[in-house]
mmCIF file of all heavy atoms, coordinates in Angstrom:
data_MODEL
# 
_entry.id   MODEL 
# 
loop_
_atom_site.group_PDB 
_atom_site.id 
_atom_site.type_symbol 
_atom_site.label_atom_id 
_atom_site.label_alt_id 
_atom_site.label_comp_id 
_atom_site.label_asym_id 
_atom_site.label_entity_id 
_atom_site.label_seq_id 
_atom_site.pdbx_PDB_ins_code 
_atom_site.Cartn_x 
_atom_site.Cartn_y 
_atom_site.Cartn_z 
_atom_site.occupancy 
_atom_site.B_iso_or_equiv 
_atom_site.pdbx_formal_charge 
_atom_site.auth_seq_id 
_atom_site.auth_comp_id 
_atom_site.auth_asym_id 
_atom_site.auth_atom_id 
_atom_site.pdbx_PDB_model_num 
ATOM 1   N N   . GLN A 1 1  ? 0.820  -1.174  -0.007  1.00 0.00 ? 1  GLN A N   1 
ATOM 2   C CA  . GLN A 1 1  ? 0.059  -0.032  0.022   1.00 0.00 ? 1  GLN A CA  1 
ATOM 3   C C   . GLN A 1 1  ? 0.889  1.196   0.002   1.00 0.00 ? 1  GLN A C   1 
ATOM 4   O O   . GLN A 1 1  ? 1.611  1.410   0.946   1.00 0.00 ? 1  GLN A O   1 
ATOM 5   C CB  . GLN A 1 1  ? -0.914 -0.016  1.177   1.00 0.00 ? 1  GLN A CB  1 
ATOM 6   C CG  . GLN A 1 1  ? -1.934 1.090   1.183   1.00 0.00 ? 1  GLN A CG  1 
ATOM 7   C CD  . GLN A 1 1  ? -3.115 0.908   2.240   1.00 0.00 ? 1  GLN A CD  1 
ATOM 8   O OE1 . GLN A 1 1  ? -2.844 0.234   3.284   1.00 0.00 ? 1  GLN A OE1 1 
ATOM 9   N NE2 . GLN A 1 1  ? -4.198 1.563   1.929   1.00 0.00 ? 1  GLN A NE2 1 
ATOM 10  N N   . ALA A 1 2  ? 0.709  1.960   -1.034  1.00 0.00 ? 2  ALA A N   1 
ATOM 11  C CA  . ALA A 1 2  ? 1.487  3.280   -1.208  1.00 0.00 ? 2  ALA A CA  1 
ATOM 12  C C   . ALA A 1 2  ? 0.694  4.425   -0.588  1.00 0.00 ? 2  ALA A C   1 
ATOM 13  O O   . ALA A 1 2  ? -0.590 4.183   -0.399  1.00 0.00 ? 2  ALA A O   1 
ATOM 14  C CB  . ALA A 1 2  ? 1.809  3.569   -2.571  1.00 0.00 ? 2  ALA A CB  1 
ATOM 15  N N   . PRO A 1 3  ? 1.291  5.507   -0.133  1.00 0.00 ? 3  PRO A N   1 
ATOM 16  C CA  . PRO A 1 3  ? 0.575  6.629   0.476   1.00 0.00 ? 3  PRO A CA  1 
ATOM 17  C C   . PRO A 1 3  ? -0.564 7.177   -0.482  1.00 0.00 ? 3  PRO A C   1 
ATOM 18  O O   . PRO A 1 3  ? -0.376 7.290   -1.677  1.00 0.00 ? 3  PRO A O   1 
ATOM 19  C CB  . PRO A 1 3  ? 1.636  7.674   0.576   1.00 0.00 ? 3  PRO A CB  1 
ATOM 20  C CG  . PRO A 1 3  ? 2.907  6.906   0.700   1.00 0.00 ? 3  PRO A CG  1 
ATOM 21  C CD  . PRO A 1 3  ? 2.627  5.694   -0.182  1.00 0.00 ? 3  PRO A CD  1 
ATOM 22  N N   . GLY A 1 4  ? -1.804 7.226   0.052   1.00 0.00 ? 4  GLY A N   1 
ATOM 23  C CA  . GLY A 1 4  ? -2.879 7.696   -0.632  1.00 0.00 ? 4  GLY A CA  1 
ATOM 24  C C   . GLY A 1 4  ? -3.511 6.688   -1.682  1.00 0.00 ? 4  GLY A C   1 
ATOM 25  O O   . GLY A 1 4  ? -4.364 7.089   -2.483  1.00 0.00 ? 4  GLY A O   1 
ATOM 26  N N   . LYS A 1 5  ? -3.014 5.502   -1.681  1.00 0.00 ? 5  LYS A N   1 
ATOM 27  C CA  . LYS A 1 5  ? -3.517 4.484   -2.624  1.00 0.00 ? 5  LYS A CA  1 
ATOM 28  C C   . LYS A 1 5  ? -4.071 3.253   -1.999  1.00 0.00 ? 5  LYS A C   1 
ATOM 29  O O   . LYS A 1 5  ? -3.857 3.067   -0.729  1.00 0.00 ? 5  LYS A O   1 
ATOM 30  C CB  . LYS A 1 5  ? -2.485 4.025   -3.567  1.00 0.00 ? 5  LYS A CB  1 
ATOM 31  C CG  . LYS A 1 5  ? -1.832 5.152   -4.469  1.00 0.00 ? 5  LYS A CG  1 
ATOM 32  C CD  . LYS A 1 5  ? -0.831 4.588   -5.429  1.00 0.00 ? 5  LYS A CD  1 
ATOM 33  C CE  . LYS A 1 5  ? -0.282 5.705   -6.349  1.00 0.00 ? 5  LYS A CE  1 
ATOM 34  N NZ  . LYS A 1 5  ? 0.722  5.237   -7.287  1.00 0.00 ? 5  LYS A NZ  1 
ATOM 35  N N   . ASP A 1 6  ? -4.934 2.486   -2.655  1.00 0.00 ? 6  ASP A N   1 
ATOM 36  C CA  . ASP A 1 6  ? -5.447 1.313   -2.084  1.00 0.00 ? 6  ASP A CA  1 
ATOM 37  C C   . ASP A 1 6  ? -4.429 0.138   -1.953  1.00 0.00 ? 6  ASP A C   1 
ATOM 38  O O   . ASP A 1 6  ? -3.455 0.251   -2.694  1.00 0.00 ? 6  ASP A O   1 
ATOM 39  C CB  . ASP A 1 6  ? -6.620 0.744   -2.959  1.00 0.00 ? 6  ASP A CB  1 
ATOM 40  C CG  . ASP A 1 6  ? -7.810 1.717   -2.869  1.00 0.00 ? 6  ASP A CG  1 
ATOM 41  O OD1 . ASP A 1 6  ? -8.070 2.412   -1.940  1.00 0.00 ? 6  ASP A OD1 1 
ATOM 42  O OD2 . ASP A 1 6  ? -8.544 1.710   -3.875  1.00 0.00 ? 6  ASP A OD2 1 
ATOM 43  N N   . ARG A 1 7  ? -4.637 -0.749  -1.023  1.00 0.00 ? 7  ARG A N   1 
ATOM 44  C CA  . ARG A 1 7  ? -3.790 -1.881  -0.901  1.00 0.00 ? 7  ARG A CA  1 
ATOM 45  C C   . ARG A 1 7  ? -3.872 -2.767  -2.177  1.00 0.00 ? 7  ARG A C   1 
ATOM 46  O O   . ARG A 1 7  ? -5.046 -3.070  -2.678  1.00 0.00 ? 7  ARG A O   1 
ATOM 47  C CB  . ARG A 1 7  ? -4.140 -2.695  0.315   1.00 0.00 ? 7  ARG A CB  1 
ATOM 48  C CG  . ARG A 1 7  ? -3.207 -3.833  0.623   1.00 0.00 ? 7  ARG A CG  1 
ATOM 49  C CD  . ARG A 1 7  ? -3.495 -4.477  1.875   1.00 0.00 ? 7  ARG A CD  1 
ATOM 50  N NE  . ARG A 1 7  ? -3.225 -3.495  3.013   1.00 0.00 ? 7  ARG A NE  1 
ATOM 51  C CZ  . ARG A 1 7  ? -3.373 -3.734  4.298   1.00 0.00 ? 7  ARG A CZ  1 
ATOM 52  N NH1 . ARG A 1 7  ? -3.663 -5.054  4.671   1.00 0.00 ? 7  ARG A NH1 1 
ATOM 53  N NH2 . ARG A 1 7  ? -3.178 -2.873  5.222   1.00 0.00 ? 7  ARG A NH2 1 
ATOM 54  N N   . GLU A 1 8  ? -2.727 -3.154  -2.754  1.00 0.00 ? 8  GLU A N   1 
ATOM 55  C CA  . GLU A 1 8  ? -2.841 -4.006  -4.000  1.00 0.00 ? 8  GLU A CA  1 
ATOM 56  C C   . GLU A 1 8  ? -2.039 -5.221  -3.851  1.00 0.00 ? 8  GLU A C   1 
ATOM 57  O O   . GLU A 1 8  ? -1.124 -5.399  -3.131  1.00 0.00 ? 8  GLU A O   1 
ATOM 58  C CB  . GLU A 1 8  ? -2.232 -3.083  -5.113  1.00 0.00 ? 8  GLU A CB  1 
ATOM 59  C CG  . GLU A 1 8  ? -0.770 -2.775  -4.979  1.00 0.00 ? 8  GLU A CG  1 
ATOM 60  C CD  . GLU A 1 8  ? -0.209 -2.021  -6.167  1.00 0.00 ? 8  GLU A CD  1 
ATOM 61  O OE1 . GLU A 1 8  ? -0.775 -2.120  -7.342  1.00 0.00 ? 8  GLU A OE1 1 
ATOM 62  O OE2 . GLU A 1 8  ? 0.961  -1.487  -6.120  1.00 0.00 ? 8  GLU A OE2 1 
ATOM 63  N N   . PHE A 1 9  ? -2.456 -6.155  -4.683  1.00 0.00 ? 9  PHE A N   1 
ATOM 64  C CA  . PHE A 1 9  ? -1.799 -7.514  -4.673  1.00 0.00 ? 9  PHE A CA  1 
ATOM 65  C C   . PHE A 1 9  ? -0.528 -7.388  -5.285  1.00 0.00 ? 9  PHE A C   1 
ATOM 66  O O   . PHE A 1 9  ? -0.214 -6.768  -6.264  1.00 0.00 ? 9  PHE A O   1 
ATOM 67  C CB  . PHE A 1 9  ? -2.711 -8.548  -5.465  1.00 0.00 ? 9  PHE A CB  1 
ATOM 68  C CG  . PHE A 1 9  ? -2.085 -9.869  -5.745  1.00 0.00 ? 9  PHE A CG  1 
ATOM 69  C CD1 . PHE A 1 9  ? -1.939 -10.815 -4.897  1.00 0.00 ? 9  PHE A CD1 1 
ATOM 70  C CD2 . PHE A 1 9  ? -1.503 -9.985  -7.063  1.00 0.00 ? 9  PHE A CD2 1 
ATOM 71  C CE1 . PHE A 1 9  ? -1.339 -11.957 -5.161  1.00 0.00 ? 9  PHE A CE1 1 
ATOM 72  C CE2 . PHE A 1 9  ? -0.963 -11.250 -7.436  1.00 0.00 ? 9  PHE A CE2 1 
ATOM 73  C CZ  . PHE A 1 9  ? -0.785 -12.184 -6.488  1.00 0.00 ? 9  PHE A CZ  1 
ATOM 74  N N   . VAL A 1 10 ? 0.464  -8.167  -4.723  1.00 0.00 ? 10 VAL A N   1 
ATOM 75  C CA  . VAL A 1 10 ? 1.872  -8.258  -5.289  1.00 0.00 ? 10 VAL A CA  1 
ATOM 76  C C   . VAL A 1 10 ? 2.188  -9.611  -5.748  1.00 0.00 ? 10 VAL A C   1 
ATOM 77  O O   . VAL A 1 10 ? 2.629  -9.834  -6.819  1.00 0.00 ? 10 VAL A O   1 
ATOM 78  C CB  . VAL A 1 10 ? 2.885  -7.741  -4.199  1.00 0.00 ? 10 VAL A CB  1 
ATOM 79  C CG1 . VAL A 1 10 ? 4.294  -8.000  -4.747  1.00 0.00 ? 10 VAL A CG1 1 
ATOM 80  C CG2 . VAL A 1 10 ? 2.612  -6.366  -3.829  1.00 0.00 ? 10 VAL A CG2 1 
ATOM 81  N N   . ALA A 1 11 ? 2.115  -10.694 -4.761  1.00 0.00 ? 11 ALA A N   1 
ATOM 82  C CA  . ALA A 1 11 ? 2.423  -12.004 -5.163  1.00 0.00 ? 11 ALA A CA  1 
ATOM 83  C C   . ALA A 1 11 ? 1.711  -12.991 -4.204  1.00 0.00 ? 11 ALA A C   1 
ATOM 84  O O   . ALA A 1 11 ? 1.377  -12.617 -3.091  1.00 0.00 ? 11 ALA A O   1 
ATOM 85  C CB  . ALA A 1 11 ? 3.882  -12.163 -5.128  1.00 0.00 ? 11 ALA A CB  1 
ATOM 86  N N   . ALA A 1 12 ? 1.608  -14.191 -4.693  1.00 0.00 ? 12 ALA A N   1 
ATOM 87  C CA  . ALA A 1 12 ? 0.945  -15.266 -3.857  1.00 0.00 ? 12 ALA A CA  1 
ATOM 88  C C   . ALA A 1 12 ? 1.605  -16.530 -4.142  1.00 0.00 ? 12 ALA A C   1 
ATOM 89  O O   . ALA A 1 12 ? 2.213  -16.755 -5.247  1.00 0.00 ? 12 ALA A O   1 
ATOM 90  C CB  . ALA A 1 12 ? -0.484 -15.360 -4.178  1.00 0.00 ? 12 ALA A CB  1 
ATOM 91  N N   . ILE A 1 13 ? 1.554  -17.476 -3.213  1.00 0.00 ? 13 ILE A N   1 
ATOM 92  C CA  . ILE A 1 13 ? 2.123  -18.841 -3.351  1.00 0.00 ? 13 ILE A CA  1 
ATOM 93  C C   . ILE A 1 13 ? 1.248  -19.826 -2.584  1.00 0.00 ? 13 ILE A C   1 
ATOM 94  O O   . ILE A 1 13 ? 0.671  -19.538 -1.508  1.00 0.00 ? 13 ILE A O   1 
ATOM 95  C CB  . ILE A 1 13 ? 3.604  -18.858 -2.797  1.00 0.00 ? 13 ILE A CB  1 
ATOM 96  C CG1 . ILE A 1 13 ? 4.258  -20.171 -3.140  1.00 0.00 ? 13 ILE A CG1 1 
ATOM 97  C CG2 . ILE A 1 13 ? 3.627  -18.617 -1.260  1.00 0.00 ? 13 ILE A CG2 1 
ATOM 98  C CD1 . ILE A 1 13 ? 5.823  -20.158 -2.943  1.00 0.00 ? 13 ILE A CD1 1 
ATOM 99  N N   . GLU A 1 14 ? 0.995  -20.932 -3.183  1.00 0.00 ? 14 GLU A N   1 
ATOM 100 C CA  . GLU A 1 14 ? 0.167  -21.988 -2.550  1.00 0.00 ? 14 GLU A CA  1 
ATOM 101 C C   . GLU A 1 14 ? 0.970  -22.667 -1.524  1.00 0.00 ? 14 GLU A C   1 
ATOM 102 O O   . GLU A 1 14 ? 2.261  -22.546 -1.421  1.00 0.00 ? 14 GLU A O   1 
ATOM 103 C CB  . GLU A 1 14 ? -0.371 -22.984 -3.628  1.00 0.00 ? 14 GLU A CB  1 
ATOM 104 C CG  . GLU A 1 14 ? 0.616  -23.555 -4.533  1.00 0.00 ? 14 GLU A CG  1 
ATOM 105 C CD  . GLU A 1 14 ? 1.470  -24.675 -4.060  1.00 0.00 ? 14 GLU A CD  1 
ATOM 106 O OE1 . GLU A 1 14 ? 1.034  -25.312 -3.100  1.00 0.00 ? 14 GLU A OE1 1 
ATOM 107 O OE2 . GLU A 1 14 ? 2.604  -24.816 -4.506  1.00 0.00 ? 14 GLU A OE2 1 
ATOM 108 N N   . TRP A 1 15 ? 0.226  -23.420 -0.597  1.00 0.00 ? 15 TRP A N   1 
ATOM 109 C CA  . TRP A 1 15 ? 0.967  -23.910 0.601   1.00 0.00 ? 15 TRP A CA  1 
ATOM 110 C C   . TRP A 1 15 ? 2.087  -24.874 0.273   1.00 0.00 ? 15 TRP A C   1 
ATOM 111 O O   . TRP A 1 15 ? 3.008  -25.030 1.161   1.00 0.00 ? 15 TRP A O   1 
ATOM 112 C CB  . TRP A 1 15 ? 0.015  -24.498 1.536   1.00 0.00 ? 15 TRP A CB  1 
ATOM 113 C CG  . TRP A 1 15 ? -0.764 -25.822 1.199   1.00 0.00 ? 15 TRP A CG  1 
ATOM 114 C CD1 . TRP A 1 15 ? -2.038 -25.926 0.614   1.00 0.00 ? 15 TRP A CD1 1 
ATOM 115 C CD2 . TRP A 1 15 ? -0.221 -27.038 1.283   1.00 0.00 ? 15 TRP A CD2 1 
ATOM 116 N NE1 . TRP A 1 15 ? -2.337 -27.225 0.343   1.00 0.00 ? 15 TRP A NE1 1 
ATOM 117 C CE2 . TRP A 1 15 ? -1.305 -27.947 0.689   1.00 0.00 ? 15 TRP A CE2 1 
ATOM 118 C CE3 . TRP A 1 15 ? 0.972  -27.670 1.738   1.00 0.00 ? 15 TRP A CE3 1 
ATOM 119 C CZ2 . TRP A 1 15 ? -1.050 -29.417 0.704   1.00 0.00 ? 15 TRP A CZ2 1 
ATOM 120 C CZ3 . TRP A 1 15 ? 1.171  -29.020 1.651   1.00 0.00 ? 15 TRP A CZ3 1 
ATOM 121 C CH2 . TRP A 1 15 ? 0.108  -29.848 1.236   1.00 0.00 ? 15 TRP A CH2 1 
ATOM 122 N N   . GLY A 1 16 ? 2.074  -25.514 -0.837  1.00 0.00 ? 16 GLY A N   1 
ATOM 123 C CA  . GLY A 1 16 ? 3.097  -26.426 -1.127  1.00 0.00 ? 16 GLY A CA  1 
ATOM 124 C C   . GLY A 1 16 ? 4.376  -25.743 -1.571  1.00 0.00 ? 16 GLY A C   1 
ATOM 125 O O   . GLY A 1 16 ? 5.471  -26.499 -1.517  1.00 0.00 ? 16 GLY A O   1 
ATOM 126 N N   . GLY A 1 17 ? 4.377  -24.480 -1.897  1.00 0.00 ? 17 GLY A N   1 
ATOM 127 C CA  . GLY A 1 17 ? 5.518  -23.692 -2.201  1.00 0.00 ? 17 GLY A CA  1 
ATOM 128 C C   . GLY A 1 17 ? 5.933  -23.808 -3.661  1.00 0.00 ? 17 GLY A C   1 
ATOM 129 O O   . GLY A 1 17 ? 7.121  -23.449 -3.927  1.00 0.00 ? 17 GLY A O   1 
ATOM 130 N N   . THR A 1 18 ? 5.163  -24.304 -4.609  1.00 0.00 ? 18 THR A N   1 
ATOM 131 C CA  . THR A 1 18 ? 5.513  -24.446 -5.960  1.00 0.00 ? 18 THR A CA  1 
ATOM 132 C C   . THR A 1 18 ? 4.876  -23.407 -6.852  1.00 0.00 ? 18 THR A C   1 
ATOM 133 O O   . THR A 1 18 ? 5.543  -22.634 -7.604  1.00 0.00 ? 18 THR A O   1 
ATOM 134 C CB  . THR A 1 18 ? 5.187  -25.827 -6.400  1.00 0.00 ? 18 THR A CB  1 
ATOM 135 O OG1 . THR A 1 18 ? 5.923  -26.894 -5.673  1.00 0.00 ? 18 THR A OG1 1 
ATOM 136 C CG2 . THR A 1 18 ? 5.556  -26.042 -7.909  1.00 0.00 ? 18 THR A CG2 1 
ATOM 137 N N   . ASN A 1 19 ? 3.492  -23.474 -6.899  1.00 0.00 ? 19 ASN A N   1 
ATOM 138 C CA  . ASN A 1 19 ? 2.743  -22.535 -7.774  1.00 0.00 ? 19 ASN A CA  1 
ATOM 139 C C   . ASN A 1 19 ? 2.665  -21.147 -7.287  1.00 0.00 ? 19 ASN A C   1 
ATOM 140 O O   . ASN A 1 19 ? 2.600  -20.901 -6.045  1.00 0.00 ? 19 ASN A O   1 
ATOM 141 C CB  . ASN A 1 19 ? 1.308  -23.068 -7.987  1.00 0.00 ? 19 ASN A CB  1 
ATOM 142 C CG  . ASN A 1 19 ? 1.291  -24.410 -8.664  1.00 0.00 ? 19 ASN A CG  1 
ATOM 143 O OD1 . ASN A 1 19 ? 2.086  -24.670 -9.633  1.00 0.00 ? 19 ASN A OD1 1 
ATOM 144 N ND2 . ASN A 1 19 ? 0.424  -25.238 -8.370  1.00 0.00 ? 19 ASN A ND2 1 
ATOM 145 N N   . THR A 1 20 ? 2.949  -20.114 -8.139  1.00 0.00 ? 20 THR A N   1 
ATOM 146 C CA  . THR A 1 20 ? 2.964  -18.774 -7.672  1.00 0.00 ? 20 THR A CA  1 
ATOM 147 C C   . THR A 1 20 ? 2.192  -17.946 -8.682  1.00 0.00 ? 20 THR A C   1 
ATOM 148 O O   . THR A 1 20 ? 1.855  -18.336 -9.796  1.00 0.00 ? 20 THR A O   1 
ATOM 149 C CB  . THR A 1 20 ? 4.349  -18.218 -7.700  1.00 0.00 ? 20 THR A CB  1 
ATOM 150 O OG1 . THR A 1 20 ? 4.972  -18.413 -8.972  1.00 0.00 ? 20 THR A OG1 1 
ATOM 151 C CG2 . THR A 1 20 ? 5.225  -19.035 -6.702  1.00 0.00 ? 20 THR A CG2 1 
ATOM 152 N N   . ALA A 1 21 ? 1.864  -16.688 -8.195  1.00 0.00 ? 21 ALA A N   1 
ATOM 153 C CA  . ALA A 1 21 ? 1.137  -15.738 -9.013  1.00 0.00 ? 21 ALA A CA  1 
ATOM 154 C C   . ALA A 1 21 ? 1.702  -14.309 -8.714  1.00 0.00 ? 21 ALA A C   1 
ATOM 155 O O   . ALA A 1 21 ? 2.078  -14.039 -7.571  1.00 0.00 ? 21 ALA A O   1 
ATOM 156 C CB  . ALA A 1 21 ? -0.411 -15.692 -8.780  1.00 0.00 ? 21 ALA A CB  1 
ATOM 157 N N   . TYR A 1 22 ? 1.816  -13.428 -9.689  1.00 0.00 ? 22 TYR A N   1 
ATOM 158 C CA  . TYR A 1 22 ? 2.388  -12.047 -9.533  1.00 0.00 ? 22 TYR A CA  1 
ATOM 159 C C   . TYR A 1 22 ? 1.517  -11.029 -10.162 1.00 0.00 ? 22 TYR A C   1 
ATOM 160 O O   . TYR A 1 22 ? 0.804  -11.292 -11.199 1.00 0.00 ? 22 TYR A O   1 
ATOM 161 C CB  . TYR A 1 22 ? 3.757  -12.003 -10.129 1.00 0.00 ? 22 TYR A CB  1 
ATOM 162 C CG  . TYR A 1 22 ? 4.671  -12.908 -9.496  1.00 0.00 ? 22 TYR A CG  1 
ATOM 163 C CD1 . TYR A 1 22 ? 4.932  -14.207 -9.999  1.00 0.00 ? 22 TYR A CD1 1 
ATOM 164 C CD2 . TYR A 1 22 ? 5.375  -12.589 -8.356  1.00 0.00 ? 22 TYR A CD2 1 
ATOM 165 C CE1 . TYR A 1 22 ? 5.909  -15.100 -9.372  1.00 0.00 ? 22 TYR A CE1 1 
ATOM 166 C CE2 . TYR A 1 22 ? 6.329  -13.359 -7.760  1.00 0.00 ? 22 TYR A CE2 1 
ATOM 167 C CZ  . TYR A 1 22 ? 6.594  -14.622 -8.313  1.00 0.00 ? 22 TYR A CZ  1 
ATOM 168 O OH  . TYR A 1 22 ? 7.480  -15.502 -7.650  1.00 0.00 ? 22 TYR A OH  1 
ATOM 169 N N   . ALA A 1 23 ? 1.497  -9.880  -9.557  1.00 0.00 ? 23 ALA A N   1 
ATOM 170 C CA  . ALA A 1 23 ? 0.903  -8.724  -10.260 1.00 0.00 ? 23 ALA A CA  1 
ATOM 171 C C   . ALA A 1 23 ? 1.762  -8.389  -11.482 1.00 0.00 ? 23 ALA A C   1 
ATOM 172 O O   . ALA A 1 23 ? 2.984  -8.563  -11.520 1.00 0.00 ? 23 ALA A O   1 
ATOM 173 C CB  . ALA A 1 23 ? 0.834  -7.558  -9.278  1.00 0.00 ? 23 ALA A CB  1 
ATOM 174 N N   . ASP A 1 24 ? 1.151  -7.925  -12.551 1.00 0.00 ? 24 ASP A N   1 
ATOM 175 C CA  . ASP A 1 24 ? 1.807  -7.528  -13.779 1.00 0.00 ? 24 ASP A CA  1 
ATOM 176 C C   . ASP A 1 24 ? 2.968  -6.527  -13.523 1.00 0.00 ? 24 ASP A C   1 
ATOM 177 O O   . ASP A 1 24 ? 3.965  -6.614  -14.185 1.00 0.00 ? 24 ASP A O   1 
ATOM 178 C CB  . ASP A 1 24 ? 0.866  -6.990  -14.811 1.00 0.00 ? 24 ASP A CB  1 
ATOM 179 C CG  . ASP A 1 24 ? -0.046 -8.030  -15.438 1.00 0.00 ? 24 ASP A CG  1 
ATOM 180 O OD1 . ASP A 1 24 ? 0.285  -9.349  -15.239 1.00 0.00 ? 24 ASP A OD1 1 
ATOM 181 O OD2 . ASP A 1 24 ? -1.090 -7.704  -15.940 1.00 0.00 ? 24 ASP A OD2 1 
# 
C-alpha cells in the first residue's frame, strides 16, 4: 500500500511452495 492508494496484490504462493502468481 502506497501513500494515498489502495492496498494492492503483489504475489501469492500456494501452501506447497511451488505454484505462484504475480501482479503484472
